[in-house]
Protein backbone atom coordinates (compact mmCIF):
# COMPACT_ATOMS: atom_id res chain seq x y z
CA GLY A 1 -4.95 23.72 -0.16
CA ALA A 2 -2.70 23.44 2.52
CA LEU A 3 -0.23 21.45 0.72
CA GLY A 4 1.43 22.03 -2.83
CA ARG A 5 4.20 21.65 -4.44
CA GLY A 6 7.45 21.84 -3.30
CA VAL A 7 6.25 23.94 0.29
CA ILE A 8 3.92 23.14 2.77
CA LYS A 9 1.99 26.28 3.73
CA PRO A 10 0.18 26.34 7.66
CA GLU A 11 -3.11 26.53 7.36
CA ALA A 12 -5.13 27.96 9.98
CA ALA A 13 -7.87 25.41 11.59
CA PRO A 14 -10.02 25.30 14.69
CA ARG A 15 -8.12 23.55 17.37
CA GLY A 16 -8.55 19.51 17.03
CA LYS A 17 -10.21 20.20 13.74
CA CYS A 18 -8.36 18.37 10.51
CA PRO A 19 -9.45 20.29 7.56
CA PRO A 20 -9.95 17.88 4.71
CA LEU A 21 -7.44 18.04 1.80
CA ALA A 22 -7.62 16.80 -1.54
CA PRO A 23 -4.29 15.02 -2.68
CA ARG A 24 -1.44 17.02 -2.72
CA VAL A 25 2.46 16.61 -3.59
CA PHE A 26 5.25 18.26 -0.88
CA ASN A 27 8.26 17.67 -0.66
CA ALA A 28 10.13 17.67 2.77
CA GLY A 29 13.81 17.34 3.36
CA GLY A 30 14.23 16.74 -0.43
CA GLN A 31 12.00 13.80 -0.66
CA GLU A 32 8.85 13.53 -2.10
CA PHE A 33 5.60 12.41 -0.39
CA ALA A 34 1.66 12.88 -1.27
CA PHE A 35 -0.68 13.72 1.20
CA GLY A 36 -4.76 13.78 1.26
CA MET A 37 -7.25 13.36 4.05
CA PRO A 38 -10.87 13.05 4.38
CA GLU A 39 -13.76 15.40 6.60
CA ASP A 40 -14.11 14.83 9.98
CA SER A 41 -10.83 12.53 10.38
CA GLU A 42 -11.13 10.30 13.99
CA SER A 43 -8.49 12.34 16.51
CA ASP A 44 -7.40 9.11 16.83
CA GLY A 45 -8.39 6.81 13.84
CA PRO A 46 -5.71 4.82 11.69
CA VAL A 47 -3.40 7.06 8.82
CA VAL A 48 -2.14 4.98 5.66
CA ILE A 49 1.01 4.83 4.32
CA PHE A 50 1.62 3.73 0.57
CA LEU A 51 4.89 2.75 -0.84
CA PRO A 52 4.69 2.94 -4.87
CA GLY A 53 5.93 0.40 -6.59
CA THR A 54 8.37 0.28 -9.22
CA GLY A 55 8.80 3.29 -11.70
CA SER A 56 6.05 5.04 -10.18
CA ASP A 57 6.40 7.37 -7.44
CA CYS A 58 3.82 9.97 -5.34
CA ASP A 59 3.33 12.43 -7.85
CA LYS A 60 2.14 9.97 -10.41
CA GLU A 61 0.12 8.25 -7.21
CA HIS A 62 -1.70 10.97 -6.37
CA ARG A 63 -3.60 11.11 -9.17
CA THR A 64 -4.95 7.82 -9.57
CA GLU A 65 -8.51 6.23 -8.58
CA PHE A 66 -6.91 4.25 -6.19
CA PHE A 67 -5.16 7.51 -3.99
CA THR A 68 -8.27 9.91 -4.44
CA THR A 69 -10.55 6.73 -3.38
CA VAL A 70 -8.44 5.77 -0.14
CA SER A 71 -7.54 9.08 0.47
CA SER A 72 -11.59 10.26 0.48
CA HIS A 73 -11.94 7.72 3.34
CA LEU A 74 -8.72 7.46 5.44
CA PRO A 75 -5.75 9.97 6.12
CA THR A 76 -3.41 8.79 3.25
CA LEU A 77 0.78 9.65 2.93
CA CYS A 78 2.33 8.51 -0.19
CA VAL A 79 6.10 7.76 0.70
CA ALA A 80 8.64 7.78 -2.16
CA TYR A 81 11.75 6.10 -2.41
CA ASP A 82 14.53 5.00 -4.16
CA THR A 83 13.26 2.38 -6.13
CA THR A 84 15.95 1.32 -8.74
CA ALA A 85 17.90 0.79 -5.44
CA ALA A 86 16.20 -2.11 -3.83
CA PHE A 87 16.65 -4.97 -6.01
CA THR A 88 18.59 -7.30 -3.67
CA GLU A 89 16.90 -8.95 -0.62
CA GLU A 90 19.88 -7.53 1.28
CA ALA A 91 18.63 -3.97 0.54
CA VAL A 92 15.18 -4.62 1.29
CA ALA A 93 16.09 -6.58 4.56
CA VAL A 94 18.11 -3.83 5.75
CA SER A 95 19.19 -0.32 4.20
CA ILE A 96 15.91 0.05 1.82
CA THR A 97 13.72 -0.51 4.90
CA ASP A 98 15.87 1.68 7.30
CA GLU A 99 15.55 4.17 4.77
CA ILE A 100 12.06 3.71 3.97
CA GLU A 101 11.19 4.18 7.66
CA ARG A 102 13.19 7.37 8.32
CA GLN A 103 10.69 8.80 5.05
CA ILE A 104 7.65 7.73 6.72
CA GLY A 105 9.12 9.77 10.48
CA ASN A 106 9.94 12.86 8.07
CA GLY A 107 6.83 12.95 6.44
CA VAL A 108 4.59 12.29 9.08
CA ALA A 109 6.62 15.46 11.19
CA ALA A 110 6.28 17.93 7.90
CA LEU A 111 2.27 17.39 8.03
CA ILE A 112 2.36 18.23 11.94
CA GLU A 113 4.41 20.84 11.51
CA SER A 114 2.30 22.12 8.89
CA HIS A 115 -1.35 21.81 10.59
CA PRO A 116 -0.78 22.46 14.29
CA GLY A 117 -4.52 22.43 15.20
CA CYS A 118 -5.19 18.99 13.36
CA SER A 119 -5.26 16.80 16.20
CA LEU A 120 -5.17 13.70 14.29
CA LEU A 121 -1.58 14.13 13.10
CA ALA A 122 -0.33 16.16 16.54
CA SER A 123 -1.54 12.47 18.33
CA LEU A 124 0.10 10.58 15.82
CA ASN A 125 3.28 9.52 17.47
CA VAL A 126 5.73 8.57 14.76
CA ARG A 127 8.58 10.87 15.30
CA GLY A 128 11.91 10.30 15.99
CA ASP A 129 15.32 8.47 15.29
CA ASP A 130 13.90 5.10 17.00
CA ALA A 131 10.96 3.61 15.06
CA SER A 132 10.28 0.76 17.77
CA GLY A 133 8.82 3.49 19.89
CA TRP A 134 6.57 4.36 16.89
CA ASP A 135 2.72 4.28 18.01
CA TRP A 136 2.78 1.50 14.53
CA GLY A 137 -1.06 0.62 15.21
CA ARG A 138 -2.12 3.26 14.39
CA LEU A 139 -0.46 2.92 10.98
CA ILE A 140 -1.86 1.06 7.90
CA LEU A 141 1.33 -0.52 5.71
CA SER A 142 0.47 -0.50 1.86
CA GLY A 143 2.25 -1.07 -0.81
CA HIS A 144 1.75 -2.06 -4.96
CA SER A 145 4.37 -4.42 -6.06
CA GLN A 146 7.69 -3.53 -4.90
CA GLY A 147 6.27 -1.43 -2.40
CA GLY A 148 4.33 -4.02 -1.13
CA VAL A 149 7.13 -6.10 -0.16
CA HIS A 150 8.97 -2.94 1.67
CA ALA A 151 5.13 -2.67 3.76
CA ALA A 152 5.81 -7.02 4.08
CA ARG A 153 8.99 -6.07 5.76
CA ILE A 154 7.62 -3.38 8.08
CA SER A 155 5.28 -4.97 8.79
CA GLN A 156 7.74 -7.72 10.38
CA ARG A 157 9.50 -5.83 11.80
CA HIS A 158 6.28 -3.65 13.54
CA ARG A 159 3.79 -4.45 14.89
CA VAL A 160 1.37 -2.48 12.45
CA GLY A 161 -2.58 -1.54 12.97
CA ARG A 162 -2.76 -3.26 8.77
CA ALA A 163 -1.03 -4.51 6.50
CA VAL A 164 -2.24 -4.16 2.60
CA PHE A 165 -0.53 -6.00 -0.05
CA LEU A 166 -1.52 -5.47 -3.58
CA SER A 167 -0.11 -7.31 -6.57
CA SER A 168 2.53 -8.76 -3.92
CA PRO A 169 4.69 -9.58 -2.41
CA CYS A 170 6.63 -11.32 -4.75
CA ALA A 171 10.33 -12.66 -5.78
CA MET A 172 11.57 -10.85 -9.01
CA PHE A 173 15.30 -11.72 -8.54
CA SER A 174 15.84 -15.00 -6.55
CA ASP A 175 13.37 -18.17 -5.94
CA ALA A 176 12.13 -16.48 -2.87
CA ILE A 177 12.15 -14.06 -0.25
CA PRO A 178 13.80 -15.87 2.66
CA TRP A 179 13.23 -12.97 5.21
CA MET A 180 9.36 -13.80 5.20
CA SER A 181 9.74 -17.24 6.88
CA ASP A 182 10.66 -15.16 10.01
CA PRO A 183 8.24 -14.34 12.95
CA PHE A 184 6.18 -11.20 11.62
CA ALA A 185 5.67 -8.57 14.97
CA THR A 186 1.98 -7.98 12.92
CA PRO A 187 -0.64 -11.11 13.50
CA PRO A 188 -1.71 -12.65 10.59
CA GLU A 189 -5.50 -11.46 11.64
CA ARG A 190 -4.12 -7.78 10.40
CA LEU A 191 -2.83 -8.67 6.76
CA PHE A 192 -4.53 -8.45 3.87
CA GLY A 193 -3.56 -9.09 -0.03
CA LEU A 194 -5.34 -8.38 -3.25
CA THR A 195 -3.98 -9.37 -6.65
CA SER A 196 -4.91 -11.04 -10.21
CA VAL A 197 -4.60 -13.87 -11.53
CA ALA A 198 -3.56 -12.42 -14.78
CA ASP A 199 -0.33 -10.75 -13.09
CA GLU A 200 2.62 -11.36 -15.55
CA THR A 201 5.08 -9.86 -13.29
CA CYS A 202 3.82 -11.07 -9.97
CA PRO A 203 2.49 -14.34 -10.99
CA TRP A 204 0.04 -15.76 -8.59
CA GLU A 205 0.67 -19.60 -8.90
CA LYS A 206 4.44 -21.03 -9.80
CA ARG A 207 5.33 -20.15 -12.77
CA GLY A 208 8.14 -22.08 -12.59
CA TRP A 209 11.88 -20.56 -14.15
CA ASN A 210 11.67 -16.85 -14.98
CA LEU A 211 14.81 -16.83 -17.75
CA LEU A 212 14.58 -12.89 -18.03
CA PHE A 213 15.79 -12.79 -14.26
CA ASN A 214 16.65 -16.65 -14.30
CA VAL A 215 14.80 -17.54 -11.01
CA ASN A 216 12.28 -19.71 -10.38
CA GLN A 217 9.01 -17.62 -8.78
CA ILE A 218 6.69 -19.61 -6.16
CA GLY A 219 4.29 -17.25 -6.71
CA VAL A 220 2.42 -14.62 -4.95
CA ARG A 221 -0.08 -17.49 -3.24
CA ARG A 222 2.86 -19.27 -1.67
CA GLN A 223 4.20 -15.88 -0.21
CA TRP A 224 0.99 -15.50 1.28
CA ALA A 225 0.48 -18.51 3.07
CA ARG A 226 4.11 -18.22 4.18
CA ILE A 227 2.98 -14.79 6.51
CA GLY A 228 -0.73 -16.49 7.21
CA ILE A 229 -2.77 -15.42 4.59
CA THR A 230 -4.33 -18.38 3.55
CA ASP A 231 -8.22 -17.65 3.74
CA LEU A 232 -8.90 -16.54 0.50
CA LEU A 233 -11.53 -15.22 -1.83
CA GLU A 234 -12.35 -15.92 -5.22
CA VAL A 235 -13.78 -12.29 -7.52
CA SER A 236 -14.96 -13.39 -10.81
CA ASP A 237 -17.66 -12.91 -13.10
CA ARG A 238 -19.93 -14.70 -11.15
CA THR A 239 -19.58 -13.36 -7.87
CA SER A 240 -21.87 -11.03 -5.84
CA PRO A 241 -21.86 -7.59 -6.44
CA ALA A 242 -21.92 -7.45 -2.89
CA TYR A 243 -19.49 -9.96 -1.61
CA ILE A 244 -17.60 -9.51 1.26
CA LEU A 245 -14.48 -10.60 2.81
CA GLY A 246 -15.88 -13.18 5.63
CA SER A 247 -13.09 -14.71 7.48
CA SER A 248 -10.95 -14.31 4.05
CA HIS A 249 -7.54 -11.63 4.01
CA GLY A 250 -6.45 -12.48 0.67
CA VAL A 251 -8.56 -11.43 -2.45
CA TYR A 252 -7.66 -13.40 -6.02
CA LEU A 253 -9.30 -11.56 -8.92
CA THR A 254 -10.23 -14.02 -12.08
CA MET A 255 -11.66 -11.16 -14.45
CA LYS A 256 -11.14 -12.07 -18.10
CA ARG A 257 -11.41 -9.63 -20.75
CA SER A 258 -12.35 -9.73 -24.14
CA ALA A 259 -12.78 -6.87 -27.07
CA VAL A 260 -16.34 -6.72 -26.35
CA GLY A 261 -17.29 -4.14 -23.42
CA CYS A 262 -13.83 -4.77 -21.28
CA GLY A 263 -11.24 -4.17 -23.73
CA LEU A 264 -8.32 -5.90 -23.94
CA TYR A 265 -4.86 -6.07 -21.36
CA VAL A 266 -2.12 -7.71 -21.35
CA ASN A 267 -0.62 -7.89 -18.07
CA GLY A 268 -3.29 -8.01 -14.63
CA HIS A 269 -0.10 -7.04 -12.70
CA THR A 270 -1.90 -3.33 -11.87
CA GLU A 271 -5.73 -4.29 -11.84
CA THR A 272 -5.38 -4.15 -7.85
CA ILE A 273 -4.59 -0.19 -7.86
CA HIS A 274 -4.55 1.40 -11.28
CA ASP A 275 -5.24 -0.70 -14.68
CA LEU A 276 -6.50 2.28 -17.37
CA ILE A 277 -9.21 0.01 -18.50
CA ARG A 278 -12.12 0.16 -16.02
CA PRO A 279 -13.01 -3.23 -15.15
CA CYS A 280 -16.53 -4.85 -16.40
CA TRP A 281 -17.71 -6.30 -13.38
CA TYR A 282 -15.03 -6.30 -10.54
CA ASP A 283 -15.73 -3.07 -8.02
CA ARG A 284 -12.24 -1.81 -7.14
CA LYS A 285 -13.52 1.07 -5.07
CA ARG A 286 -15.38 -1.62 -2.91
CA THR A 287 -13.01 -4.33 -2.53
CA TRP A 288 -10.42 -1.06 -1.36
CA GLY A 289 -12.65 -0.23 1.37
CA LEU A 290 -13.20 -3.97 2.41
CA LEU A 291 -9.37 -4.49 2.17
CA TYR A 292 -8.41 -1.18 4.10
CA GLY A 293 -11.49 -1.09 6.42
CA TRP A 294 -13.83 0.89 5.64
CA VAL A 295 -16.85 -0.84 4.41
């Protein structure tokens, strides 16, 4: 493949055609990324930007069913960042967001350089220091947990093509996320979310005081409502396997597992992306397709 750990090697391709790539990790400017691309990607089609959650990175994420699934349908770039430095509202609102935007530009620039014949990448105007001039409408901003908070912040700054929040946004270290009450550049019809009512890290409903962090978590449902994700779809063991979103932009899972057939789990926080135990009836791949737009 064209991408390998630590280096990106140019790969010849017919003019305009982008070779399919299985997910690979690469480094650019001392930063870790991962990238995967399906066959026959549209030259002016969307590109997914994925931001990992706390404690994860692109090396871990590119191996998951989530990343391999999404990148088999849409070109997908994982952008790593310092998840330990983003635990304040000020950092999310300013410095970390700026840094993540710079890293997105660096990652796209490295891909364009390594694939000069790929029209999809060459036509993607995501370069230069002034991110306000980027072609944000070609990007699907996405993130899990803390990564979803950063995806929301960028979606507030810029009018992106779509944004998908997985088990997020949630406030772990304050009562709420104050800047989410400000206007979003991205309209509500482009914002989507997926979460689980069994999430104990970013709770679905208001949980009351979190004694560990001494905050009153208001819940993902209310955070979604603040940015316009109010038409919700419940997915349970009674839901038809062929369910569609319809007008819904937020999906919440009410699945419950038992020791018979489904295994046991403690926290549904990872259920939206890479739970180690396969769900009994929740079709993750189909749900991801609905949210990211290929189904």
